[in-house]
Amino acid sequence: MDRAAAEHSKVVLDASGITFADSSLLNPLIPTHRTVDLRVAAPTRQLCRLLEITGVDALLTVRSTVEEAAACWAPRSAWPSSPYS
């Protein structure tokens, strides 16, 4: 993600293959979200649950497919204020 964020202003994370997630995944997601337009696509049930429990689902844009995530770009000025900023 660091490399993608350094090279692009918009990043889609295809999370469909993530079988385990904990704070070690959340730790890079939040800072990446602060610097680029980050979308999480096709998260597994376990990842969805982690995002819900931690409240990060309210911070990140999560979509059910990569195509949906790529199609929902919004200008950064339209982003809601983040409680994590």
PDB file of N, CA and C in Angstrom:
ATOM      1  N   MET A   1       0.806  -1.179   0.000  1.00  0.00           N
ATOM      2  CA  MET A   1       0.000   0.000   0.000  1.00  0.00           C
ATOM      3  C   MET A   1       0.856   1.252   0.000  1.00  0.00           C
ATOM      4  N   ASP A   2       1.969   1.233   0.698  1.00  0.00           N
ATOM      5  CA  ASP A   2       2.832   2.419   0.734  1.00  0.00           C
ATOM      6  C   ASP A   2       3.274   2.818  -0.667  1.00  0.00           C
ATOM      7  N   ARG A   3       3.674   1.833  -1.436  1.00  0.00           N
ATOM      8  CA  ARG A   3       4.142   2.117  -2.803  1.00  0.00           C
ATOM      9  C   ARG A   3       3.006   2.662  -3.659  1.00  0.00           C
ATOM     10  N   ALA A   4       1.843   2.031  -3.579  1.00  0.00           N
ATOM     11  CA  ALA A   4       0.696   2.503  -4.359  1.00  0.00           C
ATOM     12  C   ALA A   4       0.319   3.919  -3.946  1.00  0.00           C
ATOM     13  N   ALA A   5       0.321   4.193  -2.652  1.00  0.00           N
ATOM     14  CA  ALA A   5      -0.037   5.526  -2.154  1.00  0.00           C
ATOM     15  C   ALA A   5       0.996   6.565  -2.562  1.00  0.00           C
ATOM     16  N   ALA A   6       2.251   6.164  -2.668  1.00  0.00           N
ATOM     17  CA  ALA A   6       3.298   7.099  -3.080  1.00  0.00           C
ATOM     18  C   ALA A   6       3.182   7.448  -4.564  1.00  0.00           C
ATOM     19  N   GLU A   7       2.634   6.523  -5.342  1.00  0.00           N
ATOM     20  CA  GLU A   7       2.566   6.711  -6.789  1.00  0.00           C
ATOM     21  C   GLU A   7       1.208   7.172  -7.303  1.00  0.00           C
ATOM     22  N   HIS A   8       0.152   7.026  -6.487  1.00  0.00           N
ATOM     23  CA  HIS A   8      -1.197   7.326  -6.956  1.00  0.00           C
ATOM     24  C   HIS A   8      -1.980   8.090  -5.891  1.00  0.00           C
ATOM     25  N   SER A   9      -2.921   8.907  -6.338  1.00  0.00           N
ATOM     26  CA  SER A   9      -3.750   9.644  -5.392  1.00  0.00           C
ATOM     27  C   SER A   9      -5.007   8.865  -5.017  1.00  0.00           C
ATOM     28  N   LYS A  10      -5.293   7.797  -5.767  1.00  0.00           N
ATOM     29  CA  LYS A  10      -6.453   6.943  -5.507  1.00  0.00           C
ATOM     30  C   LYS A  10      -5.982   5.490  -5.482  1.00  0.00           C
ATOM     31  N   VAL A  11      -6.365   4.762  -4.429  1.00  0.00           N
ATOM     32  CA  VAL A  11      -5.924   3.377  -4.265  1.00  0.00           C
ATOM     33  C   VAL A  11      -7.115   2.513  -3.884  1.00  0.00           C
ATOM     34  N   VAL A  12      -7.251   1.370  -4.575  1.00  0.00           N
ATOM     35  CA  VAL A  12      -8.263   0.376  -4.218  1.00  0.00           C
ATOM     36  C   VAL A  12      -7.521  -0.841  -3.665  1.00  0.00           C
ATOM     37  N   LEU A  13      -7.867  -1.229  -2.454  1.00  0.00           N
ATOM     38  CA  LEU A  13      -7.303  -2.433  -1.843  1.00  0.00           C
ATOM     39  C   LEU A  13      -8.286  -3.568  -2.078  1.00  0.00           C
ATOM     40  N   ASP A  14      -7.893  -4.557  -2.871  1.00  0.00           N
ATOM     41  CA  ASP A  14      -8.718  -5.743  -3.072  1.00  0.00           C
ATOM     42  C   ASP A  14      -8.507  -6.644  -1.865  1.00  0.00           C
ATOM     43  N   ALA A  15      -9.485  -6.657  -0.965  1.00  0.00           N
ATOM     44  CA  ALA A  15      -9.351  -7.378   0.302  1.00  0.00           C
ATOM     45  C   ALA A  15      -9.974  -8.770   0.252  1.00  0.00           C
ATOM     46  N   SER A  16     -10.331  -9.230  -0.924  1.00  0.00           N
ATOM     47  CA  SER A  16     -11.033 -10.511  -1.047  1.00  0.00           C
ATOM     48  C   SER A  16     -10.205 -11.708  -0.584  1.00  0.00           C
ATOM     49  N   GLY A  17      -8.901 -11.594  -0.604  1.00  0.00           N
ATOM     50  CA  GLY A  17      -8.051 -12.709  -0.194  1.00  0.00           C
ATOM     51  C   GLY A  17      -7.560 -12.633   1.242  1.00  0.00           C
ATOM     52  N   ILE A  18      -8.002 -11.646   1.981  1.00  0.00           N
ATOM     53  CA  ILE A  18      -7.550 -11.498   3.367  1.00  0.00           C
ATOM     54  C   ILE A  18      -8.340 -12.463   4.243  1.00  0.00           C
ATOM     55  N   THR A  19      -7.638 -13.455   4.780  1.00  0.00           N
ATOM     56  CA  THR A  19      -8.305 -14.476   5.594  1.00  0.00           C
ATOM     57  C   THR A  19      -8.204 -14.189   7.089  1.00  0.00           C
ATOM     58  N   PHE A  20      -7.267 -13.326   7.463  1.00  0.00           N
ATOM     59  CA  PHE A  20      -7.130 -12.938   8.865  1.00  0.00           C
ATOM     60  C   PHE A  20      -6.775 -11.462   8.912  1.00  0.00           C
ATOM     61  N   ALA A  21      -7.388 -10.731   9.796  1.00  0.00           N
ATOM     62  CA  ALA A  21      -7.075  -9.313   9.943  1.00  0.00           C
ATOM     63  C   ALA A  21      -7.201  -8.918  11.409  1.00  0.00           C
ATOM     64  N   ASP A  22      -6.268  -8.100  11.843  1.00  0.00           N
ATOM     65  CA  ASP A  22      -6.308  -7.534  13.189  1.00  0.00           C
ATOM     66  C   ASP A  22      -5.736  -6.130  13.112  1.00  0.00           C
ATOM     67  N   SER A  23      -5.296  -5.596  14.226  1.00  0.00           N
ATOM     68  CA  SER A  23      -4.801  -4.217  14.237  1.00  0.00           C
ATOM     69  C   SER A  23      -3.591  -4.023  13.333  1.00  0.00           C
ATOM     70  N   SER A  24      -2.869  -5.097  13.041  1.00  0.00           N
ATOM     71  CA  SER A  24      -1.712  -4.952  12.161  1.00  0.00           C
ATOM     72  C   SER A  24      -2.131  -4.598  10.734  1.00  0.00           C
ATOM     73  N   LEU A  25      -3.356  -4.878  10.362  1.00  0.00           N
ATOM     74  CA  LEU A  25      -3.877  -4.426   9.069  1.00  0.00           C
ATOM     75  C   LEU A  25      -4.436  -3.009   9.193  1.00  0.00           C
ATOM     76  N   LEU A  26      -5.105  -2.726  10.288  1.00  0.00           N
ATOM     77  CA  LEU A  26      -5.681  -1.396  10.475  1.00  0.00           C
ATOM     78  C   LEU A  26      -4.592  -0.319  10.564  1.00  0.00           C
ATOM     79  N   ASN A  27      -3.468  -0.658  11.157  1.00  0.00           N
ATOM     80  CA  ASN A  27      -2.391   0.325  11.336  1.00  0.00           C
ATOM     81  C   ASN A  27      -1.953   0.986  10.034  1.00  0.00           C
ATOM     82  N   PRO A  28      -1.785   0.286   8.921  1.00  0.00           N
ATOM     83  CA  PRO A  28      -1.451   0.985   7.675  1.00  0.00           C
ATOM     84  C   PRO A  28      -2.673   1.549   6.939  1.00  0.00           C
ATOM     85  N   LEU A  29      -3.861   1.006   7.177  1.00  0.00           N
ATOM     86  CA  LEU A  29      -5.039   1.494   6.465  1.00  0.00           C
ATOM     87  C   LEU A  29      -5.364   2.941   6.823  1.00  0.00           C
ATOM     88  N   ILE A  30      -5.354   3.257   8.093  1.00  0.00           N
ATOM     89  CA  ILE A  30      -5.750   4.594   8.534  1.00  0.00           C
ATOM     90  C   ILE A  30      -4.781   5.670   8.035  1.00  0.00           C
ATOM     91  N   PRO A  31      -3.472   5.509   8.198  1.00  0.00           N
ATOM     92  CA  PRO A  31      -2.567   6.528   7.661  1.00  0.00           C
ATOM     93  C   PRO A  31      -2.637   6.639   6.131  1.00  0.00           C
ATOM     94  N   THR A  32      -2.838   5.522   5.454  1.00  0.00           N
ATOM     95  CA  THR A  32      -2.963   5.563   3.997  1.00  0.00           C
ATOM     96  C   THR A  32      -4.208   6.341   3.613  1.00  0.00           C
ATOM     97  N   HIS A  33      -5.289   6.106   4.329  1.00  0.00           N
ATOM     98  CA  HIS A  33      -6.530   6.840   4.076  1.00  0.00           C
ATOM     99  C   HIS A  33      -6.337   8.344   4.244  1.00  0.00           C
ATOM    100  N   ARG A  34      -5.485   8.730   5.158  1.00  0.00           N
ATOM    101  CA  ARG A  34      -5.244  10.160   5.402  1.00  0.00           C
ATOM    102  C   ARG A  34      -4.525  10.836   4.241  1.00  0.00           C
ATOM    103  N   THR A  35      -3.759  10.060   3.465  1.00  0.00           N
ATOM    104  CA  THR A  35      -2.937  10.664   2.411  1.00  0.00           C
ATOM    105  C   THR A  35      -3.485  10.455   1.005  1.00  0.00           C
ATOM    106  N   VAL A  36      -4.283   9.427   0.786  1.00  0.00           N
ATOM    107  CA  VAL A  36      -4.846   9.166  -0.544  1.00  0.00           C
ATOM    108  C   VAL A  36      -6.319   8.804  -0.416  1.00  0.00           C
ATOM    109  N   ASP A  37      -6.996   8.774  -1.534  1.00  0.00           N
ATOM    110  CA  ASP A  37      -8.386   8.338  -1.575  1.00  0.00           C
ATOM    111  C   ASP A  37      -8.366   6.807  -1.593  1.00  0.00           C
ATOM    112  N   LEU A  38      -8.498   6.195  -0.424  1.00  0.00           N
ATOM    113  CA  LEU A  38      -8.390   4.748  -0.265  1.00  0.00           C
ATOM    114  C   LEU A  38      -9.765   4.111  -0.235  1.00  0.00           C
ATOM    115  N   ARG A  39      -9.913   3.044  -1.004  1.00  0.00           N
ATOM    116  CA  ARG A  39     -11.147   2.253  -1.021  1.00  0.00           C
ATOM    117  C   ARG A  39     -10.798   0.803  -0.704  1.00  0.00           C
ATOM    118  N   VAL A  40     -11.630   0.156   0.095  1.00  0.00           N
ATOM    119  CA  VAL A  40     -11.452  -1.261   0.408  1.00  0.00           C
ATOM    120  C   VAL A  40     -12.519  -2.015  -0.366  1.00  0.00           C
ATOM    121  N   ALA A  41     -12.099  -2.962  -1.172  1.00  0.00           N
ATOM    122  CA  ALA A  41     -13.018  -3.701  -2.034  1.00  0.00           C
ATOM    123  C   ALA A  41     -13.093  -5.162  -1.632  1.00  0.00           C
ATOM    124  N   ALA A  42     -14.287  -5.707  -1.688  1.00  0.00           N
ATOM    125  CA  ALA A  42     -14.552  -7.132  -1.483  1.00  0.00           C
ATOM    126  C   ALA A  42     -13.982  -7.684  -0.183  1.00  0.00           C
ATOM    127  N   PRO A  43     -14.222  -7.002   0.941  1.00  0.00           N
ATOM    128  CA  PRO A  43     -13.675  -7.515   2.196  1.00  0.00           C
ATOM    129  C   PRO A  43     -14.358  -8.820   2.610  1.00  0.00           C
ATOM    130  N   THR A  44     -13.596  -9.675   3.237  1.00  0.00           N
ATOM    131  CA  THR A  44     -14.148 -10.921   3.752  1.00  0.00           C
ATOM    132  C   THR A  44     -15.034 -10.613   4.952  1.00  0.00           C
ATOM    133  N   ARG A  45     -15.808 -11.573   5.355  1.00  0.00           N
ATOM    134  CA  ARG A  45     -16.692 -11.398   6.509  1.00  0.00           C
ATOM    135  C   ARG A  45     -15.895 -11.041   7.760  1.00  0.00           C
ATOM    136  N   GLN A  46     -14.764 -11.698   7.941  1.00  0.00           N
ATOM    137  CA  GLN A  46     -13.930 -11.431   9.121  1.00  0.00           C
ATOM    138  C   GLN A  46     -13.414  -9.998   9.100  1.00  0.00           C
ATOM    139  N   LEU A  47     -12.987  -9.521   7.938  1.00  0.00           N
ATOM    140  CA  LEU A  47     -12.497  -8.150   7.845  1.00  0.00           C
ATOM    141  C   LEU A  47     -13.634  -7.150   8.062  1.00  0.00           C
ATOM    142  N   CYS A  48     -14.797  -7.428   7.501  1.00  0.00           N
ATOM    143  CA  CYS A  48     -15.957  -6.551   7.734  1.00  0.00           C
ATOM    144  C   CYS A  48     -16.246  -6.438   9.218  1.00  0.00           C
ATOM    145  N   ARG A  49     -16.192  -7.542   9.911  1.00  0.00           N
ATOM    146  CA  ARG A  49     -16.474  -7.546  11.349  1.00  0.00           C
ATOM    147  C   ARG A  49     -15.445  -6.703  12.104  1.00  0.00           C
ATOM    148  N   LEU A  50     -14.171  -6.853  11.744  1.00  0.00           N
ATOM    149  CA  LEU A  50     -13.118  -6.058  12.378  1.00  0.00           C
ATOM    150  C   LEU A  50     -13.340  -4.574  12.126  1.00  0.00           C
ATOM    151  N   LEU A  51     -13.675  -4.205  10.913  1.00  0.00           N
ATOM    152  CA  LEU A  51     -13.921  -2.805  10.592  1.00  0.00           C
ATOM    153  C   LEU A  51     -15.109  -2.270  11.383  1.00  0.00           C
ATOM    154  N   GLU A  52     -16.145  -3.093  11.536  1.00  0.00           N
ATOM    155  CA  GLU A  52     -17.325  -2.681  12.307  1.00  0.00           C
ATOM    156  C   GLU A  52     -16.999  -2.509  13.784  1.00  0.00           C
ATOM    157  N   ILE A  53     -16.333  -3.492  14.369  1.00  0.00           N
ATOM    158  CA  ILE A  53     -16.013  -3.466  15.805  1.00  0.00           C
ATOM    159  C   ILE A  53     -15.167  -2.249  16.158  1.00  0.00           C
ATOM    160  N   THR A  54     -14.229  -1.918  15.301  1.00  0.00           N
ATOM    161  CA  THR A  54     -13.304  -0.821  15.584  1.00  0.00           C
ATOM    162  C   THR A  54     -13.834   0.542  15.137  1.00  0.00           C
ATOM    163  N   GLY A  55     -14.922   0.547  14.375  1.00  0.00           N
ATOM    164  CA  GLY A  55     -15.471   1.797  13.872  1.00  0.00           C
ATOM    165  C   GLY A  55     -14.788   2.313  12.620  1.00  0.00           C
ATOM    166  N   VAL A  56     -13.829   1.579  12.125  1.00  0.00           N
ATOM    167  CA  VAL A  56     -13.095   2.002  10.941  1.00  0.00           C
ATOM    168  C   VAL A  56     -13.979   1.926   9.694  1.00  0.00           C
ATOM    169  N   ASP A  57     -15.056   1.161   9.749  1.00  0.00           N
ATOM    170  CA  ASP A  57     -15.977   1.103   8.606  1.00  0.00           C
ATOM    171  C   ASP A  57     -16.615   2.461   8.339  1.00  0.00           C
ATOM    172  N   ALA A  58     -16.712   3.303   9.362  1.00  0.00           N
ATOM    173  CA  ALA A  58     -17.260   4.649   9.188  1.00  0.00           C
ATOM    174  C   ALA A  58     -16.224   5.603   8.591  1.00  0.00           C
ATOM    175  N   LEU A  59     -14.976   5.252   8.700  1.00  0.00           N
ATOM    176  CA  LEU A  59     -13.887   6.078   8.190  1.00  0.00           C
ATOM    177  C   LEU A  59     -13.570   5.758   6.740  1.00  0.00           C
ATOM    178  N   LEU A  60     -13.497   4.475   6.426  1.00  0.00           N
ATOM    179  CA  LEU A  60     -13.109   4.033   5.087  1.00  0.00           C
ATOM    180  C   LEU A  60     -14.320   3.842   4.189  1.00  0.00           C
ATOM    181  N   THR A  61     -14.090   3.934   2.888  1.00  0.00           N
ATOM    182  CA  THR A  61     -15.120   3.592   1.925  1.00  0.00           C
ATOM    183  C   THR A  61     -14.929   2.126   1.578  1.00  0.00           C
ATOM    184  N   VAL A  62     -15.945   1.323   1.857  1.00  0.00           N
ATOM    185  CA  VAL A  62     -15.883  -0.116   1.626  1.00  0.00           C
ATOM    186  C   VAL A  62     -16.945  -0.469   0.597  1.00  0.00           C
ATOM    187  N   ARG A  63     -16.557  -1.216  -0.435  1.00  0.00           N
ATOM    188  CA  ARG A  63     -17.478  -1.632  -1.480  1.00  0.00           C
ATOM    189  C   ARG A  63     -17.355  -3.133  -1.690  1.00  0.00           C
ATOM    190  N   SER A  64     -18.389  -3.740  -2.233  1.00  0.00           N
ATOM    191  CA  SER A  64     -18.416  -5.198  -2.360  1.00  0.00           C
ATOM    192  C   SER A  64     -17.570  -5.726  -3.510  1.00  0.00           C
ATOM    193  N   THR A  65     -17.216  -4.896  -4.491  1.00  0.00           N
ATOM    194  CA  THR A  65     -16.365  -5.340  -5.596  1.00  0.00           C
ATOM    195  C   THR A  65     -15.306  -4.281  -5.897  1.00  0.00           C
ATOM    196  N   VAL A  66     -14.263  -4.712  -6.586  1.00  0.00           N
ATOM    197  CA  VAL A  66     -13.219  -3.790  -7.010  1.00  0.00           C
ATOM    198  C   VAL A  66     -13.807  -2.765  -7.975  1.00  0.00           C
ATOM    199  N   GLU A  67     -14.675  -3.225  -8.853  1.00  0.00           N
ATOM    200  CA  GLU A  67     -15.283  -2.325  -9.833  1.00  0.00           C
ATOM    201  C   GLU A  67     -16.098  -1.222  -9.150  1.00  0.00           C
ATOM    202  N   GLU A  68     -16.877  -1.592  -8.130  1.00  0.00           N
ATOM    203  CA  GLU A  68     -17.656  -0.593  -7.392  1.00  0.00           C
ATOM    204  C   GLU A  68     -16.740   0.383  -6.666  1.00  0.00           C
ATOM    205  N   ALA A  69     -15.675  -0.128  -6.074  1.00  0.00           N
ATOM    206  CA  ALA A  69     -14.739   0.733  -5.351  1.00  0.00           C
ATOM    207  C   ALA A  69     -14.064   1.719  -6.299  1.00  0.00           C
ATOM    208  N   ALA A  70     -13.696   1.256  -7.474  1.00  0.00           N
ATOM    209  CA  ALA A  70     -13.032   2.126  -8.441  1.00  0.00           C
ATOM    210  C   ALA A  70     -13.986   3.157  -9.026  1.00  0.00           C
ATOM    211  N   ALA A  71     -15.263   2.854  -9.045  1.00  0.00           N
ATOM    212  CA  ALA A  71     -16.241   3.739  -9.675  1.00  0.00           C
ATOM    213  C   ALA A  71     -16.755   4.835  -8.745  1.00  0.00           C
ATOM    214  N   CYS A  72     -16.471   4.785  -7.473  1.00  0.00           N
ATOM    215  CA  CYS A  72     -17.098   5.724  -6.528  1.00  0.00           C
ATOM    216  C   CYS A  72     -16.157   6.810  -6.043  1.00  0.00           C
ATOM    217  N   TRP A  73     -15.292   7.302  -6.891  1.00  0.00           N
ATOM    218  CA  TRP A  73     -14.354   8.344  -6.473  1.00  0.00           C
ATOM    219  C   TRP A  73     -15.069   9.649  -6.213  1.00  0.00           C
ATOM    220  N   ALA A  74     -14.626  10.337  -5.220  1.00  0.00           N
ATOM    221  CA  ALA A  74     -15.151  11.664  -4.884  1.00  0.00           C
ATOM    222  C   ALA A  74     -13.966  12.589  -4.658  1.00  0.00           C
ATOM    223  N   PRO A  75     -14.100  13.860  -4.964  1.00  0.00           N
ATOM    224  CA  PRO A  75     -12.996  14.775  -4.688  1.00  0.00           C
ATOM    225  C   PRO A  75     -12.706  14.832  -3.192  1.00  0.00           C
ATOM    226  N   ARG A  76     -11.457  14.934  -2.838  1.00  0.00           N
ATOM    227  CA  ARG A  76     -11.063  14.929  -1.420  1.00  0.00           C
ATOM    228  C   ARG A  76     -11.790  16.022  -0.643  1.00  0.00           C
ATOM    229  N   SER A  77     -12.088  17.136  -1.270  1.00  0.00           N
ATOM    230  CA  SER A  77     -12.786  18.215  -0.570  1.00  0.00           C
ATOM    231  C   SER A  77     -14.190  17.802  -0.146  1.00  0.00           C
ATOM    232  N   ALA A  78     -14.732  16.754  -0.768  1.00  0.00           N
ATOM    233  CA  ALA A  78     -16.068  16.285  -0.424  1.00  0.00           C
ATOM    234  C   ALA A  78     -16.046  15.226   0.674  1.00  0.00           C
ATOM    235  N   TRP A  79     -14.847  14.805   1.095  1.00  0.00           N
ATOM    236  CA  TRP A  79     -14.752  13.783   2.130  1.00  0.00           C
ATOM    237  C   TRP A  79     -15.249  14.342   3.445  1.00  0.00           C
ATOM    238  N   PRO A  80     -15.939  13.517   4.241  1.00  0.00           N
ATOM    239  CA  PRO A  80     -16.340  13.971   5.570  1.00  0.00           C
ATOM    240  C   PRO A  80     -15.123  14.099   6.480  1.00  0.00           C
ATOM    241  N   SER A  81     -15.237  14.921   7.479  1.00  0.00           N
ATOM    242  CA  SER A  81     -14.165  15.058   8.467  1.00  0.00           C
ATOM    243  C   SER A  81     -13.981  13.743   9.183  1.00  0.00           C
ATOM    244  N   SER A  82     -12.747  13.414   9.491  1.00  0.00           N
ATOM    245  CA  SER A  82     -12.435  12.146  10.134  1.00  0.00           C
ATOM    246  C   SER A  82     -12.134  12.338  11.606  1.00  0.00           C
ATOM    247  N   PRO A  83     -12.692  11.498  12.463  1.00  0.00           N
ATOM    248  CA  PRO A  83     -12.355  11.577  13.878  1.00  0.00           C
ATOM    249  C   PRO A  83     -10.938  11.083  14.146  1.00  0.00           C
ATOM    250  N   TYR A  84     -10.287  10.444  13.132  1.00  0.00           N
ATOM    251  CA  TYR A  84      -8.949   9.899  13.309  1.00  0.00           C
ATOM    252  C   TYR A  84      -7.868  10.846  12.805  1.00  0.00           C
ATOM    253  N   SER A  85      -8.243  12.002  12.270  1.00  0.00           N
ATOM    254  CA  SER A  85      -7.246  12.940  11.721  1.00  0.00           C
ATOM    255  C   SER A  85      -6.524  13.665  12.826  1.00  0.00           C
TER     256      SER A  85
END
